[in-house]
Amino acid sequence: MKRELTPTEARSGLISGRIFLILLISSIGAVVAMALAWYFLFPYGG
């Protein structure tokens, strides 16, 4: 049986999940931005 989380523990889990989500989204955004920049800099597959 799982023990109850204190409000602080629950909040820290929520925050770390949110930070992970933000890191994931920003990483995907960075990859997309680099791909677009590469495409505009080298449009002929250079």
C-alpha atoms as a PDB file:
ATOM      1  CA  MET A   1       0.000   0.000   0.000  1.00  0.00           C
ATOM      2  CA  LYS A   2       1.316   3.431  -0.946  1.00  0.00           C
ATOM      3  CA  ARG A   3       1.792   5.981   1.811  1.00  0.00           C
ATOM      4  CA  GLU A   4       0.146   9.367   1.619  1.00  0.00           C
ATOM      5  CA  LEU A   5       2.194  12.217   0.192  1.00  0.00           C
ATOM      6  CA  THR A   6       2.547  15.381   2.186  1.00  0.00           C
ATOM      7  CA  PRO A   7       1.477  18.560   0.327  1.00  0.00           C
ATOM      8  CA  THR A   8       5.138  19.543  -0.077  1.00  0.00           C
ATOM      9  CA  GLU A   9       6.044  16.191  -1.626  1.00  0.00           C
ATOM     10  CA  ALA A  10       3.060  16.310  -3.953  1.00  0.00           C
ATOM     11  CA  ARG A  11       3.940  19.853  -5.000  1.00  0.00           C
ATOM     12  CA  SER A  12       7.597  18.982  -5.644  1.00  0.00           C
ATOM     13  CA  GLY A  13       6.532  16.049  -7.809  1.00  0.00           C
ATOM     14  CA  LEU A  14       4.207  18.312  -9.769  1.00  0.00           C
ATOM     15  CA  ILE A  15       6.911  20.950 -10.208  1.00  0.00           C
ATOM     16  CA  SER A  16       9.558  18.442 -11.322  1.00  0.00           C
ATOM     17  CA  GLY A  17       7.100  16.960 -13.811  1.00  0.00           C
ATOM     18  CA  ARG A  18       6.383  20.437 -15.146  1.00  0.00           C
ATOM     19  CA  ILE A  19      10.113  21.236 -15.410  1.00  0.00           C
ATOM     20  CA  PHE A  20      10.658  17.981 -17.315  1.00  0.00           C
ATOM     21  CA  LEU A  21       7.820  18.874 -19.672  1.00  0.00           C
ATOM     22  CA  ILE A  22       9.232  22.363 -20.274  1.00  0.00           C
ATOM     23  CA  LEU A  23      12.700  20.918 -20.954  1.00  0.00           C
ATOM     24  CA  LEU A  24      11.223  18.406 -23.391  1.00  0.00           C
ATOM     25  CA  ILE A  25       9.203  21.044 -25.259  1.00  0.00           C
ATOM     26  CA  SER A  26      12.110  23.489 -25.420  1.00  0.00           C
ATOM     27  CA  SER A  27      14.431  20.742 -26.691  1.00  0.00           C
ATOM     28  CA  ILE A  28      11.977  19.861 -29.452  1.00  0.00           C
ATOM     29  CA  GLY A  29      11.603  23.570 -30.259  1.00  0.00           C
ATOM     30  CA  ALA A  30      15.371  23.970 -30.466  1.00  0.00           C
ATOM     31  CA  VAL A  31      15.677  21.005 -32.838  1.00  0.00           C
ATOM     32  CA  VAL A  32      12.909  22.389 -35.044  1.00  0.00           C
ATOM     33  CA  ALA A  33      14.490  25.858 -35.039  1.00  0.00           C
ATOM     34  CA  MET A  34      17.888  24.421 -35.997  1.00  0.00           C
ATOM     35  CA  ALA A  35      16.309  22.368 -38.769  1.00  0.00           C
ATOM     36  CA  LEU A  36      14.540  25.455 -40.130  1.00  0.00           C
ATOM     37  CA  ALA A  37      17.705  27.543 -39.923  1.00  0.00           C
ATOM     38  CA  TRP A  38      19.655  24.800 -41.723  1.00  0.00           C
ATOM     39  CA  TYR A  39      16.973  24.594 -44.384  1.00  0.00           C
ATOM     40  CA  PHE A  40      17.038  28.362 -44.980  1.00  0.00           C
ATOM     41  CA  LEU A  41      20.839  28.575 -44.915  1.00  0.00           C
ATOM     42  CA  PHE A  42      21.361  25.566 -47.197  1.00  0.00           C
ATOM     43  CA  PRO A  43      18.205  25.223 -49.292  1.00  0.00           C
ATOM     44  CA  TYR A  44      19.805  22.852 -51.832  1.00  0.00           C
ATOM     45  CA  GLY A  45      20.820  20.134 -49.377  1.00  0.00           C
ATOM     46  CA  GLY A  46      24.330  21.603 -49.299  1.00  0.00           C
END
